[in-house]
Amino acid sequence: MLLKVNIILALVGFSLCATWQGYPPPIPKEFEGKEGCYVKEINDVVPFGVTVKPIGHCYRITCGSMMSYASCGTVATNDPKCYKTEVDLSKPYPECCPTIKCDTDNHI
């Protein structure tokens, strides 16, 4: 039973982020001789297999034969005591992603 719950939670977690892939861009002349993928967001070449989470962009980039990107998923609520936070580009992915925050009543 616990295995089924973990599988369901994993599927829900994966469905909450957006992913895409693309071919690595050409390596600029200033970085010739470096092996890997040129990542324009950090203006550097990262080795194959390395993941970067550039500050100022709310996604992660993994260098491979294809560059893989993952960004925040959609969050929403119908609860009037809750709201969606804003993207915080001062933090790396996934901490930069919007979340749901709820006002709580602490009446004792």
Protein backbone atom coordinates (compact mmCIF):
# COMPACT_ATOMS: atom_id res chain seq x y z
CA MET A 1 0.00 0.00 0.00
CA LEU A 2 2.83 2.39 0.90
CA LEU A 3 4.45 1.73 -2.47
CA LYS A 4 1.24 2.71 -4.29
CA VAL A 5 1.02 5.95 -2.29
CA ASN A 6 4.65 6.80 -3.11
CA ILE A 7 4.10 6.14 -6.81
CA ILE A 8 0.99 8.34 -6.87
CA LEU A 9 2.81 11.14 -5.04
CA ALA A 10 5.75 10.89 -7.46
CA LEU A 11 3.44 11.12 -10.47
CA VAL A 12 1.65 14.13 -9.00
CA GLY A 13 5.00 15.79 -8.25
CA PHE A 14 6.30 15.26 -11.78
CA SER A 15 3.08 16.57 -13.29
CA LEU A 16 3.41 19.85 -11.38
CA CYS A 17 6.51 21.03 -13.22
CA ALA A 18 6.97 22.00 -16.83
CA THR A 19 9.84 20.38 -18.70
CA TRP A 20 11.28 20.78 -22.17
CA GLN A 21 14.41 19.90 -24.11
CA GLY A 22 16.46 21.47 -26.83
CA TYR A 23 19.75 21.11 -28.64
CA PRO A 24 22.67 22.87 -26.97
CA PRO A 25 23.56 26.17 -28.65
CA PRO A 26 26.96 26.53 -30.31
CA ILE A 27 29.83 27.24 -27.92
CA PRO A 28 31.10 30.82 -28.38
CA LYS A 29 34.71 31.29 -29.50
CA GLU A 30 35.74 32.57 -26.06
CA PHE A 31 34.86 29.13 -24.59
CA GLU A 32 36.36 26.95 -27.33
CA GLY A 33 38.13 23.95 -25.86
CA LYS A 34 35.62 23.51 -23.04
CA GLU A 35 33.54 20.32 -23.18
CA GLY A 36 29.82 20.50 -22.42
CA CYS A 37 26.92 22.87 -23.04
CA TYR A 38 26.99 26.62 -23.36
CA VAL A 39 24.42 28.10 -20.95
CA LYS A 40 23.67 31.68 -21.94
CA GLU A 41 21.98 32.39 -18.59
CA ILE A 42 25.36 32.06 -16.82
CA ASN A 43 27.54 32.85 -19.87
CA ASP A 44 29.66 29.74 -19.39
CA VAL A 45 30.06 26.15 -20.53
CA VAL A 46 29.02 23.45 -18.05
CA PRO A 47 30.21 19.84 -18.33
CA PHE A 48 27.92 17.09 -19.60
CA GLY A 49 25.75 15.70 -16.80
CA VAL A 50 25.86 18.91 -14.74
CA THR A 51 22.71 20.75 -13.64
CA VAL A 52 22.66 24.50 -13.03
CA LYS A 53 19.99 26.66 -11.41
CA PRO A 54 20.76 30.22 -12.53
CA ILE A 55 19.63 33.00 -10.18
CA GLY A 56 17.31 35.40 -11.99
CA HIS A 57 15.64 32.56 -13.92
CA CYS A 58 13.14 30.23 -12.29
CA TYR A 59 14.19 26.95 -13.89
CA ARG A 60 16.98 24.39 -13.88
CA ILE A 61 19.12 23.37 -16.85
CA THR A 62 20.80 19.99 -17.27
CA CYS A 63 23.56 19.57 -19.86
CA GLY A 64 23.48 16.43 -21.99
CA SER A 65 23.27 15.49 -25.64
CA MET A 66 20.06 17.52 -25.31
CA MET A 67 19.71 20.34 -22.79
CA SER A 68 16.86 19.63 -20.39
CA TYR A 69 14.94 22.40 -18.68
CA ALA A 70 12.46 22.19 -15.79
CA SER A 71 10.38 25.07 -14.48
CA CYS A 72 7.58 25.68 -12.02
CA GLY A 73 4.23 24.03 -12.41
CA THR A 74 0.84 25.62 -12.05
CA VAL A 75 -0.52 26.30 -8.59
CA ALA A 76 -4.04 27.44 -7.74
CA THR A 77 -6.52 27.46 -4.89
CA ASN A 78 -10.23 28.07 -4.40
CA ASP A 79 -9.86 28.66 -0.65
CA PRO A 80 -10.61 32.33 0.14
CA LYS A 81 -8.09 32.23 3.02
CA CYS A 82 -5.29 31.19 0.66
CA TYR A 83 -3.34 32.94 -2.06
CA LYS A 84 -0.62 32.20 -4.60
CA THR A 85 2.80 33.72 -3.87
CA GLU A 86 4.85 35.46 -6.56
CA VAL A 87 7.90 34.06 -8.33
CA ASP A 88 11.03 35.02 -6.36
CA LEU A 89 13.89 35.37 -8.85
CA SER A 90 16.37 36.03 -6.03
CA LYS A 91 16.19 32.31 -5.17
CA PRO A 92 17.29 29.26 -7.20
CA TYR A 93 14.84 26.73 -8.66
CA PRO A 94 12.61 25.31 -7.13
CA GLU A 95 12.62 27.72 -4.17
CA CYS A 96 11.77 30.54 -6.60
CA CYS A 97 8.48 28.90 -7.64
CA PRO A 98 5.11 30.25 -6.51
CA THR A 99 3.38 28.35 -3.73
CA ILE A 100 0.06 28.51 -1.92
CA LYS A 101 0.05 30.33 1.42
CA CYS A 102 -2.97 30.35 3.72
CA ASP A 103 -3.96 32.79 6.43
CA THR A 104 -4.73 30.83 9.57
CA ASP A 105 -6.88 31.78 12.52
CA ASN A 106 -5.10 31.13 15.80
CA HIS A 107 -8.04 31.70 18.11
CA ILE A 108 -7.62 29.66 21.26
